[in-house]
Amino acid sequence: MYFAFEDCIFCQTKGLPMGCSTSDILAILVVDKLESIVLSSHLVISPYKSYVDIYFQTTNEEKTDKFHHTVNNLHPRLKFQIKKPTPSPKGLSLSLTDFKDILSESSESSLEFYKKPAKKPLFFHHQTALPGNSKINFICNE
């Protein structure tokens, strides 16, 4: 996959190409495998949730840091970030891709729609080398 940045053209040599129909599926399979390895190592995280990238909630910060360290040492080029919840009027809040997960004091979880402040309504140029279906999907998803 080729891409342009600041008037230079680059060839992507590592990772999965963005916009390719199989990239999403392969990314999910890889992360699922990493999750299986970490969770089979008897590292108990509760409650635990997952969506594309690894996501979990726990009140034990030591377990959280150990989980993060373990998963980041499984693959030399894959590094995951950690986001810790922040206090909000309804409980602890964790903002993710398009939603905010709120964990109340009674340990009940609820979801709210969330739009990142940095999100901009940008689209790929219509002449980009992405497949036509991908371009249509980007517009429909927006």
N, C-alpha and C. Protein backbone atom coordinates (compact mmCIF):
# COMPACT_ATOMS: atom_id res chain seq x y z
N MET A 1 0.85 -1.17 0.00
CA MET A 1 0.00 0.00 0.00
C MET A 1 0.90 1.23 0.00
N TYR A 2 0.59 2.17 -0.86
CA TYR A 2 1.33 3.42 -0.95
C TYR A 2 0.49 4.54 -0.37
N PHE A 3 1.17 5.54 0.24
CA PHE A 3 0.45 6.70 0.75
C PHE A 3 1.35 7.92 0.63
N ALA A 4 0.72 9.09 0.61
CA ALA A 4 1.46 10.35 0.48
C ALA A 4 1.39 11.12 1.79
N PHE A 5 2.50 11.77 2.14
CA PHE A 5 2.55 12.62 3.32
C PHE A 5 3.54 13.74 3.03
N GLU A 6 3.08 14.98 3.15
CA GLU A 6 3.91 16.17 2.91
C GLU A 6 4.69 16.06 1.59
N ASP A 7 3.99 15.84 0.52
CA ASP A 7 4.53 15.79 -0.84
C ASP A 7 5.53 14.65 -1.08
N CYS A 8 5.55 13.67 -0.20
CA CYS A 8 6.40 12.49 -0.40
C CYS A 8 5.50 11.26 -0.48
N ILE A 9 5.91 10.28 -1.28
CA ILE A 9 5.15 9.03 -1.41
C ILE A 9 5.92 7.94 -0.68
N PHE A 10 5.21 7.20 0.17
CA PHE A 10 5.81 6.15 0.98
C PHE A 10 5.14 4.82 0.66
N CYS A 11 5.87 3.74 0.86
CA CYS A 11 5.33 2.39 0.72
C CYS A 11 5.26 1.78 2.11
N GLN A 12 4.07 1.34 2.49
CA GLN A 12 3.90 0.70 3.79
C GLN A 12 4.52 -0.68 3.72
N THR A 13 5.48 -0.96 4.61
CA THR A 13 6.18 -2.24 4.59
C THR A 13 5.81 -3.16 5.74
N LYS A 14 5.17 -2.61 6.78
CA LYS A 14 4.80 -3.41 7.94
C LYS A 14 3.33 -3.17 8.27
N GLY A 15 2.72 -4.16 8.86
CA GLY A 15 1.35 -4.00 9.32
C GLY A 15 0.34 -4.28 8.22
N LEU A 16 -0.92 -4.04 8.55
CA LEU A 16 -2.01 -4.28 7.62
C LEU A 16 -2.40 -2.99 6.92
N PRO A 17 -2.73 -3.05 5.63
CA PRO A 17 -3.09 -1.81 4.92
C PRO A 17 -4.45 -1.27 5.37
N MET A 18 -4.50 0.04 5.60
CA MET A 18 -5.76 0.67 5.98
C MET A 18 -6.70 0.64 4.79
N GLY A 19 -7.96 0.35 5.05
CA GLY A 19 -8.96 0.34 4.00
C GLY A 19 -9.12 -1.00 3.31
N CYS A 20 -8.23 -1.93 3.54
CA CYS A 20 -8.33 -3.25 2.94
C CYS A 20 -9.42 -4.04 3.68
N SER A 21 -10.26 -4.73 2.94
CA SER A 21 -11.40 -5.40 3.55
C SER A 21 -11.00 -6.51 4.53
N THR A 22 -9.82 -7.08 4.37
CA THR A 22 -9.40 -8.16 5.28
C THR A 22 -8.60 -7.65 6.48
N SER A 23 -8.17 -6.39 6.46
CA SER A 23 -7.36 -5.86 7.56
C SER A 23 -8.09 -5.90 8.89
N ASP A 24 -9.38 -5.52 8.89
CA ASP A 24 -10.15 -5.52 10.14
C ASP A 24 -10.22 -6.91 10.74
N ILE A 25 -10.53 -7.89 9.90
CA ILE A 25 -10.68 -9.27 10.38
C ILE A 25 -9.35 -9.79 10.92
N LEU A 26 -8.26 -9.53 10.19
CA LEU A 26 -6.95 -10.01 10.65
C LEU A 26 -6.52 -9.34 11.95
N ALA A 27 -6.81 -8.04 12.08
CA ALA A 27 -6.47 -7.32 13.32
C ALA A 27 -7.23 -7.91 14.51
N ILE A 28 -8.50 -8.21 14.31
CA ILE A 28 -9.32 -8.79 15.38
C ILE A 28 -8.77 -10.17 15.76
N LEU A 29 -8.38 -10.97 14.77
CA LEU A 29 -7.82 -12.30 15.05
C LEU A 29 -6.52 -12.22 15.84
N VAL A 30 -5.66 -11.28 15.47
CA VAL A 30 -4.38 -11.12 16.17
C VAL A 30 -4.61 -10.69 17.61
N VAL A 31 -5.46 -9.69 17.81
CA VAL A 31 -5.73 -9.21 19.17
C VAL A 31 -6.42 -10.30 19.99
N ASP A 32 -7.30 -11.07 19.38
CA ASP A 32 -7.96 -12.17 20.08
C ASP A 32 -6.92 -13.19 20.56
N LYS A 33 -5.95 -13.48 19.72
CA LYS A 33 -4.89 -14.41 20.10
C LYS A 33 -4.08 -13.86 21.28
N LEU A 34 -3.74 -12.57 21.22
CA LEU A 34 -2.99 -11.95 22.32
C LEU A 34 -3.80 -11.99 23.61
N GLU A 35 -5.11 -11.69 23.51
CA GLU A 35 -5.99 -11.75 24.69
C GLU A 35 -5.98 -13.15 25.28
N SER A 36 -6.10 -14.16 24.43
CA SER A 36 -6.13 -15.55 24.90
C SER A 36 -4.85 -15.89 25.65
N ILE A 37 -3.72 -15.44 25.15
CA ILE A 37 -2.43 -15.73 25.80
C ILE A 37 -2.38 -15.08 27.18
N VAL A 38 -2.76 -13.80 27.24
CA VAL A 38 -2.68 -13.08 28.52
C VAL A 38 -3.68 -13.65 29.52
N LEU A 39 -4.92 -13.89 29.08
CA LEU A 39 -5.93 -14.39 30.00
C LEU A 39 -5.67 -15.82 30.44
N SER A 40 -4.96 -16.61 29.62
CA SER A 40 -4.64 -17.99 30.03
C SER A 40 -3.45 -18.02 30.99
N SER A 41 -2.80 -16.88 31.20
CA SER A 41 -1.66 -16.82 32.13
C SER A 41 -2.13 -16.61 33.57
N HIS A 42 -3.43 -16.85 33.80
CA HIS A 42 -4.03 -16.75 35.14
C HIS A 42 -4.06 -15.33 35.68
N LEU A 43 -3.99 -14.36 34.79
CA LEU A 43 -4.11 -12.96 35.20
C LEU A 43 -5.60 -12.61 35.13
N VAL A 44 -6.25 -12.57 36.27
CA VAL A 44 -7.70 -12.39 36.31
C VAL A 44 -8.03 -10.91 36.35
N ILE A 45 -8.80 -10.47 35.36
CA ILE A 45 -9.28 -9.11 35.29
C ILE A 45 -10.80 -9.18 35.32
N SER A 46 -11.42 -8.46 36.24
CA SER A 46 -12.87 -8.52 36.32
C SER A 46 -13.41 -7.16 36.74
N PRO A 47 -14.44 -6.64 36.11
CA PRO A 47 -15.05 -7.17 34.89
C PRO A 47 -14.14 -6.92 33.69
N TYR A 48 -14.22 -7.75 32.67
CA TYR A 48 -13.37 -7.67 31.49
C TYR A 48 -14.24 -7.53 30.25
N LYS A 49 -13.87 -6.60 29.36
CA LYS A 49 -14.58 -6.42 28.09
C LYS A 49 -13.53 -6.25 27.01
N SER A 50 -13.92 -6.55 25.78
CA SER A 50 -12.98 -6.42 24.67
C SER A 50 -13.72 -5.98 23.41
N TYR A 51 -13.09 -5.07 22.67
CA TYR A 51 -13.61 -4.67 21.36
C TYR A 51 -12.43 -4.20 20.53
N VAL A 52 -12.09 -4.89 19.48
CA VAL A 52 -10.97 -4.65 18.57
C VAL A 52 -9.67 -4.46 19.33
N ASP A 53 -9.49 -3.35 20.02
CA ASP A 53 -8.29 -3.23 20.83
C ASP A 53 -8.66 -3.64 22.26
N ILE A 54 -7.67 -4.01 23.02
CA ILE A 54 -7.92 -4.57 24.34
C ILE A 54 -8.50 -3.50 25.26
N TYR A 55 -9.53 -3.88 25.98
CA TYR A 55 -10.24 -2.97 26.86
C TYR A 55 -10.70 -3.74 28.09
N PHE A 56 -10.44 -3.21 29.23
CA PHE A 56 -10.91 -3.86 30.45
C PHE A 56 -11.11 -2.82 31.53
N GLN A 57 -11.83 -3.20 32.55
CA GLN A 57 -12.03 -2.35 33.70
C GLN A 57 -11.66 -3.13 34.94
N THR A 58 -11.00 -2.49 35.84
CA THR A 58 -10.73 -3.10 37.12
C THR A 58 -10.44 -1.99 38.12
N THR A 59 -10.69 -2.27 39.37
CA THR A 59 -10.39 -1.29 40.40
C THR A 59 -9.00 -1.53 40.98
N ASN A 60 -8.35 -2.61 40.55
CA ASN A 60 -7.03 -2.95 41.05
C ASN A 60 -5.98 -2.42 40.07
N GLU A 61 -5.35 -1.30 40.43
CA GLU A 61 -4.39 -0.66 39.52
C GLU A 61 -3.15 -1.53 39.29
N GLU A 62 -2.76 -2.31 40.26
CA GLU A 62 -1.60 -3.18 40.11
C GLU A 62 -1.87 -4.24 39.03
N LYS A 63 -3.07 -4.85 39.05
CA LYS A 63 -3.44 -5.84 38.03
C LYS A 63 -3.52 -5.18 36.65
N THR A 64 -4.05 -3.97 36.61
CA THR A 64 -4.16 -3.24 35.35
C THR A 64 -2.78 -3.03 34.74
N ASP A 65 -1.84 -2.56 35.56
CA ASP A 65 -0.49 -2.31 35.06
C ASP A 65 0.21 -3.61 34.65
N LYS A 66 -0.04 -4.70 35.38
CA LYS A 66 0.58 -5.99 35.04
C LYS A 66 0.01 -6.51 33.71
N PHE A 67 -1.30 -6.39 33.53
CA PHE A 67 -1.94 -6.80 32.28
C PHE A 67 -1.36 -6.01 31.11
N HIS A 68 -1.25 -4.70 31.28
CA HIS A 68 -0.71 -3.82 30.24
C HIS A 68 0.73 -4.21 29.89
N HIS A 69 1.53 -4.44 30.90
CA HIS A 69 2.93 -4.82 30.68
C HIS A 69 3.02 -6.18 29.95
N THR A 70 2.19 -7.12 30.38
CA THR A 70 2.21 -8.47 29.78
C THR A 70 1.83 -8.42 28.31
N VAL A 71 0.74 -7.74 27.98
CA VAL A 71 0.27 -7.71 26.59
C VAL A 71 1.25 -6.94 25.69
N ASN A 72 1.93 -5.94 26.24
CA ASN A 72 2.88 -5.18 25.43
C ASN A 72 4.18 -5.93 25.17
N ASN A 73 4.41 -7.00 25.88
CA ASN A 73 5.63 -7.78 25.66
C ASN A 73 5.41 -9.02 24.82
N LEU A 74 4.21 -9.18 24.24
CA LEU A 74 3.92 -10.36 23.44
C LEU A 74 4.37 -10.24 21.99
N HIS A 75 4.46 -9.04 21.48
CA HIS A 75 4.83 -8.85 20.07
C HIS A 75 5.75 -7.63 19.98
N PRO A 76 6.86 -7.73 19.25
CA PRO A 76 7.84 -6.63 19.22
C PRO A 76 7.31 -5.33 18.59
N ARG A 77 6.33 -5.42 17.67
CA ARG A 77 5.87 -4.20 17.00
C ARG A 77 4.48 -3.74 17.46
N LEU A 78 3.81 -4.52 18.25
CA LEU A 78 2.48 -4.12 18.73
C LEU A 78 2.60 -3.58 20.15
N LYS A 79 2.19 -2.34 20.32
CA LYS A 79 2.20 -1.72 21.64
C LYS A 79 0.84 -1.10 21.89
N PHE A 80 0.27 -1.43 23.03
CA PHE A 80 -1.05 -0.94 23.40
C PHE A 80 -0.91 0.19 24.41
N GLN A 81 -1.80 1.14 24.31
CA GLN A 81 -1.83 2.24 25.27
C GLN A 81 -2.78 1.88 26.40
N ILE A 82 -2.57 2.52 27.52
CA ILE A 82 -3.47 2.30 28.65
C ILE A 82 -4.21 3.60 28.93
N LYS A 83 -5.50 3.48 29.13
CA LYS A 83 -6.32 4.62 29.50
C LYS A 83 -6.98 4.28 30.82
N LYS A 84 -6.73 5.11 31.80
CA LYS A 84 -7.32 4.86 33.10
C LYS A 84 -8.55 5.76 33.27
N PRO A 85 -9.59 5.25 33.95
CA PRO A 85 -10.80 6.04 34.11
C PRO A 85 -10.58 7.29 34.94
N THR A 86 -11.38 8.29 34.66
CA THR A 86 -11.33 9.54 35.41
C THR A 86 -12.65 9.72 36.16
N PRO A 87 -12.61 10.40 37.29
CA PRO A 87 -13.86 10.63 38.04
C PRO A 87 -14.82 11.52 37.25
N SER A 88 -16.10 11.19 37.32
CA SER A 88 -17.16 12.00 36.72
C SER A 88 -18.32 12.04 37.70
N PRO A 89 -19.30 12.91 37.47
CA PRO A 89 -20.43 12.98 38.41
C PRO A 89 -21.18 11.66 38.58
N LYS A 90 -21.16 10.79 37.56
CA LYS A 90 -21.89 9.53 37.62
C LYS A 90 -21.04 8.36 38.11
N GLY A 91 -19.76 8.56 38.31
CA GLY A 91 -18.85 7.48 38.71
C GLY A 91 -17.53 7.62 38.00
N LEU A 92 -16.89 6.51 37.66
CA LEU A 92 -15.64 6.54 36.89
C LEU A 92 -15.96 6.47 35.42
N SER A 93 -15.30 7.30 34.62
CA SER A 93 -15.62 7.41 33.20
C SER A 93 -14.38 7.11 32.36
N LEU A 94 -14.59 6.34 31.29
CA LEU A 94 -13.51 6.00 30.37
C LEU A 94 -13.99 6.25 28.96
N SER A 95 -13.40 7.24 28.27
CA SER A 95 -13.80 7.60 26.91
C SER A 95 -13.01 6.78 25.91
N LEU A 96 -13.74 6.09 25.03
CA LEU A 96 -13.10 5.24 24.03
C LEU A 96 -13.45 5.76 22.64
N THR A 97 -13.50 4.90 21.65
CA THR A 97 -13.66 5.31 20.27
C THR A 97 -14.85 6.24 20.05
N ASP A 98 -16.06 5.73 20.17
CA ASP A 98 -17.25 6.56 19.97
C ASP A 98 -18.20 6.48 21.14
N PHE A 99 -17.73 6.00 22.26
CA PHE A 99 -18.61 5.93 23.42
C PHE A 99 -17.82 6.14 24.69
N LYS A 100 -18.55 6.46 25.74
CA LYS A 100 -17.97 6.66 27.06
C LYS A 100 -18.57 5.58 27.96
N ASP A 101 -17.72 4.82 28.62
CA ASP A 101 -18.16 3.78 29.53
C ASP A 101 -18.10 4.35 30.94
N ILE A 102 -19.21 4.27 31.64
CA ILE A 102 -19.29 4.82 32.99
C ILE A 102 -19.53 3.68 33.97
N LEU A 103 -18.65 3.56 34.95
CA LEU A 103 -18.75 2.55 35.99
C LEU A 103 -19.21 3.24 37.26
N SER A 104 -20.44 2.96 37.69
CA SER A 104 -20.99 3.60 38.87
C SER A 104 -20.39 2.99 40.13
N GLU A 105 -20.68 3.61 41.27
CA GLU A 105 -20.17 3.11 42.55
C GLU A 105 -20.70 1.73 42.86
N SER A 106 -21.87 1.38 42.29
CA SER A 106 -22.44 0.04 42.52
C SER A 106 -21.88 -0.99 41.53
N SER A 107 -20.81 -0.63 40.80
CA SER A 107 -20.13 -1.48 39.82
C SER A 107 -20.99 -1.82 38.60
N GLU A 108 -22.01 -1.01 38.33
CA GLU A 108 -22.81 -1.19 37.12
C GLU A 108 -22.23 -0.31 36.02
N SER A 109 -22.17 -0.88 34.82
CA SER A 109 -21.57 -0.20 33.69
C SER A 109 -22.67 0.30 32.75
N SER A 110 -22.49 1.52 32.22
CA SER A 110 -23.42 2.05 31.23
C SER A 110 -22.61 2.75 30.13
N LEU A 111 -23.19 2.83 28.94
CA LEU A 111 -22.52 3.45 27.81
C LEU A 111 -23.24 4.72 27.39
N GLU A 112 -22.47 5.71 26.96
CA GLU A 112 -23.01 6.94 26.41
C GLU A 112 -22.26 7.24 25.11
N PHE A 113 -22.93 7.89 24.16
CA PHE A 113 -22.26 8.30 22.92
C PHE A 113 -21.21 9.34 23.27
N TYR A 114 -20.06 9.26 22.60
CA TYR A 114 -18.96 10.19 22.87
C TYR A 114 -18.28 10.56 21.57
N LYS A 115 -18.04 11.84 21.38
CA LYS A 115 -17.34 12.32 20.19
C LYS A 115 -16.05 13.00 20.66
N LYS A 116 -14.93 12.48 20.21
CA LYS A 116 -13.64 13.05 20.61
C LYS A 116 -13.53 14.49 20.13
N PRO A 117 -12.95 15.37 20.95
CA PRO A 117 -12.81 16.78 20.54
C PRO A 117 -11.96 16.94 19.28
N ALA A 118 -11.02 16.03 19.05
CA ALA A 118 -10.12 16.15 17.89
C ALA A 118 -10.74 15.62 16.61
N LYS A 119 -11.92 15.00 16.67
CA LYS A 119 -12.53 14.41 15.48
C LYS A 119 -12.89 15.51 14.49
N LYS A 120 -12.49 15.30 13.25
CA LYS A 120 -12.75 16.27 12.20
C LYS A 120 -13.47 15.57 11.05
N PRO A 121 -14.36 16.27 10.37
CA PRO A 121 -15.08 15.65 9.25
C PRO A 121 -14.22 15.62 7.98
N LEU A 122 -13.21 14.77 7.95
CA LEU A 122 -12.31 14.67 6.81
C LEU A 122 -12.57 13.38 6.05
N PHE A 123 -12.42 13.43 4.74
CA PHE A 123 -12.60 12.24 3.91
C PHE A 123 -11.36 12.04 3.04
N PHE A 124 -11.18 10.82 2.58
CA PHE A 124 -10.11 10.53 1.63
C PHE A 124 -10.43 11.22 0.30
N HIS A 125 -9.39 11.63 -0.40
CA HIS A 125 -9.58 12.21 -1.72
C HIS A 125 -10.19 11.15 -2.63
N HIS A 126 -11.11 11.55 -3.51
CA HIS A 126 -11.82 10.58 -4.35
C HIS A 126 -10.90 9.83 -5.31
N GLN A 127 -9.69 10.34 -5.58
CA GLN A 127 -8.77 9.66 -6.49
C GLN A 127 -7.74 8.79 -5.75
N THR A 128 -7.90 8.63 -4.44
CA THR A 128 -6.95 7.82 -3.68
C THR A 128 -7.02 6.36 -4.16
N ALA A 129 -5.98 5.60 -3.87
CA ALA A 129 -5.87 4.23 -4.40
C ALA A 129 -6.63 3.20 -3.57
N LEU A 130 -7.59 3.63 -2.78
CA LEU A 130 -8.40 2.69 -2.01
C LEU A 130 -9.47 2.07 -2.89
N PRO A 131 -9.90 0.85 -2.57
CA PRO A 131 -11.00 0.24 -3.33
C PRO A 131 -12.27 1.09 -3.21
N GLY A 132 -13.08 1.07 -4.24
CA GLY A 132 -14.31 1.86 -4.27
C GLY A 132 -15.25 1.54 -3.11
N ASN A 133 -15.36 0.26 -2.75
CA ASN A 133 -16.23 -0.12 -1.63
C ASN A 133 -15.77 0.53 -0.33
N SER A 134 -14.46 0.61 -0.12
CA SER A 134 -13.94 1.23 1.10
C SER A 134 -14.29 2.70 1.15
N LYS A 135 -14.17 3.40 0.04
CA LYS A 135 -14.52 4.82 0.00
C LYS A 135 -15.99 5.02 0.35
N ILE A 136 -16.85 4.19 -0.22
CA ILE A 136 -18.29 4.28 0.07
C ILE A 136 -18.55 3.99 1.54
N ASN A 137 -17.86 2.98 2.10
CA ASN A 137 -18.06 2.64 3.52
C ASN A 137 -17.64 3.78 4.43
N PHE A 138 -16.54 4.46 4.10
CA PHE A 138 -16.10 5.59 4.92
C PHE A 138 -17.17 6.65 4.98
N ILE A 139 -17.77 6.98 3.83
CA ILE A 139 -18.81 8.00 3.77
C ILE A 139 -20.05 7.54 4.53
N CYS A 140 -20.47 6.31 4.33
CA CYS A 140 -21.66 5.79 5.03
C CYS A 140 -21.45 5.77 6.55
N ASN A 141 -20.28 5.37 6.98
CA ASN A 141 -20.00 5.32 8.42
C ASN A 141 -19.98 6.70 9.06
N GLU A 142 -19.54 7.68 8.29
CA GLU A 142 -19.48 9.04 8.83
C GLU A 142 -20.89 9.57 9.00
